[in-house]
Amino acid sequence: MESTLIKKFGTESPNGLNERTDELKKSITPIVVPYSKDSNSFCHATRKLANKYNVCKSKIITAHSRHKNLKDILAPSKLPDISK
């Protein structure tokens, strides 16, 4: 995105401050799991198996999702659509 805007507006590129390294150019595959005491060991085992059998060429990371709490269930923040 930044390189496109630099070309479009004809500005100078920064001196290495905003350039991405090769490590960041690799794609990332998240394993999204709800947070629990066992989720970390599950994701570690999944990453280990995926690397062992070359299932995925991208880097695998763990992403924890948020649980619904009582407030989300009793008082949802979304209002129903009344225009119908």
Protein backbone atom coordinates (compact mmCIF):
# COMPACT_ATOMS: atom_id res chain seq x y z
CA MET A 1 0.00 0.00 0.00
CA GLU A 2 2.72 2.44 0.97
CA SER A 3 4.76 1.81 -2.19
CA THR A 4 1.64 2.40 -4.30
CA LEU A 5 1.03 5.78 -2.64
CA ILE A 6 4.70 6.74 -3.02
CA LYS A 7 4.50 6.05 -6.77
CA LYS A 8 1.14 7.81 -7.11
CA PHE A 9 2.16 11.02 -5.35
CA GLY A 10 5.81 10.96 -6.41
CA THR A 11 7.17 11.25 -2.87
CA GLU A 12 10.47 9.90 -1.58
CA SER A 13 10.56 6.56 0.16
CA PRO A 14 11.77 6.49 3.78
CA ASN A 15 15.29 5.33 4.60
CA GLY A 16 14.46 1.77 5.60
CA LEU A 17 12.05 2.66 8.37
CA ASN A 18 8.92 1.20 6.78
CA GLU A 19 10.39 -1.58 4.68
CA ARG A 20 9.26 -5.07 5.49
CA THR A 21 11.79 -7.79 6.19
CA ASP A 22 11.64 -11.21 4.58
CA GLU A 23 10.30 -12.66 7.85
CA LEU A 24 7.23 -10.40 7.71
CA LYS A 25 6.56 -11.14 4.04
CA LYS A 26 5.84 -14.79 4.81
CA SER A 27 2.20 -15.65 5.13
CA ILE A 28 0.78 -16.49 8.54
CA THR A 29 -1.83 -19.14 9.32
CA PRO A 30 -3.63 -18.60 12.64
CA ILE A 31 -5.09 -21.39 14.73
CA VAL A 32 -8.06 -19.66 16.36
CA VAL A 33 -9.19 -21.29 19.60
CA PRO A 34 -11.15 -20.08 22.63
CA TYR A 35 -8.82 -19.34 25.50
CA SER A 36 -8.55 -22.11 28.09
CA LYS A 37 -5.83 -23.79 30.10
CA ASP A 38 -5.53 -26.57 27.47
CA SER A 39 -5.57 -24.41 24.33
CA ASN A 40 -1.85 -23.65 24.46
CA SER A 41 -0.84 -27.33 24.55
CA PHE A 42 -3.35 -28.14 21.79
CA CYS A 43 -1.92 -25.46 19.51
CA HIS A 44 1.65 -26.50 20.27
CA ALA A 45 0.86 -30.10 19.31
CA THR A 46 -0.95 -28.95 16.16
CA ARG A 47 2.01 -26.79 15.08
CA LYS A 48 4.42 -29.65 15.78
CA LEU A 49 2.41 -32.09 13.62
CA ALA A 50 1.95 -29.54 10.83
CA ASN A 51 5.70 -28.89 10.71
CA LYS A 52 6.53 -32.61 10.88
CA TYR A 53 4.32 -33.49 7.89
CA ASN A 54 4.84 -30.22 5.93
CA VAL A 55 1.12 -29.49 5.95
CA CYS A 56 1.50 -25.74 5.77
CA LYS A 57 4.32 -23.66 4.26
CA SER A 58 3.35 -20.51 6.16
CA LYS A 59 4.13 -19.72 9.79
CA ILE A 60 1.47 -21.06 12.17
CA ILE A 61 0.51 -18.88 15.15
CA THR A 62 -2.02 -19.21 17.94
CA ALA A 63 -4.89 -16.70 18.09
CA HIS A 64 -7.24 -16.80 21.06
CA SER A 65 -10.86 -15.80 20.63
CA ARG A 66 -12.92 -14.11 23.30
CA HIS A 67 -15.59 -16.06 25.18
CA LYS A 68 -19.12 -14.71 25.42
CA ASN A 69 -19.76 -13.53 28.94
CA LEU A 70 -23.06 -12.96 30.73
CA LYS A 71 -23.21 -9.31 29.65
CA ASP A 72 -22.96 -10.32 25.97
CA ILE A 73 -25.79 -12.81 26.37
CA LEU A 74 -28.18 -10.64 28.43
CA ALA A 75 -27.48 -7.21 26.89
CA PRO A 76 -26.22 -7.55 23.31
CA SER A 77 -24.71 -4.41 21.84
CA LYS A 78 -26.42 -4.86 18.45
CA LEU A 79 -29.92 -3.48 18.06
CA PRO A 80 -32.49 -5.29 15.93
CA ASP A 81 -33.21 -3.88 12.47
CA ILE A 82 -36.64 -2.17 12.63
CA SER A 83 -36.65 -0.89 9.04
CA LYS A 84 -38.22 -4.12 7.70
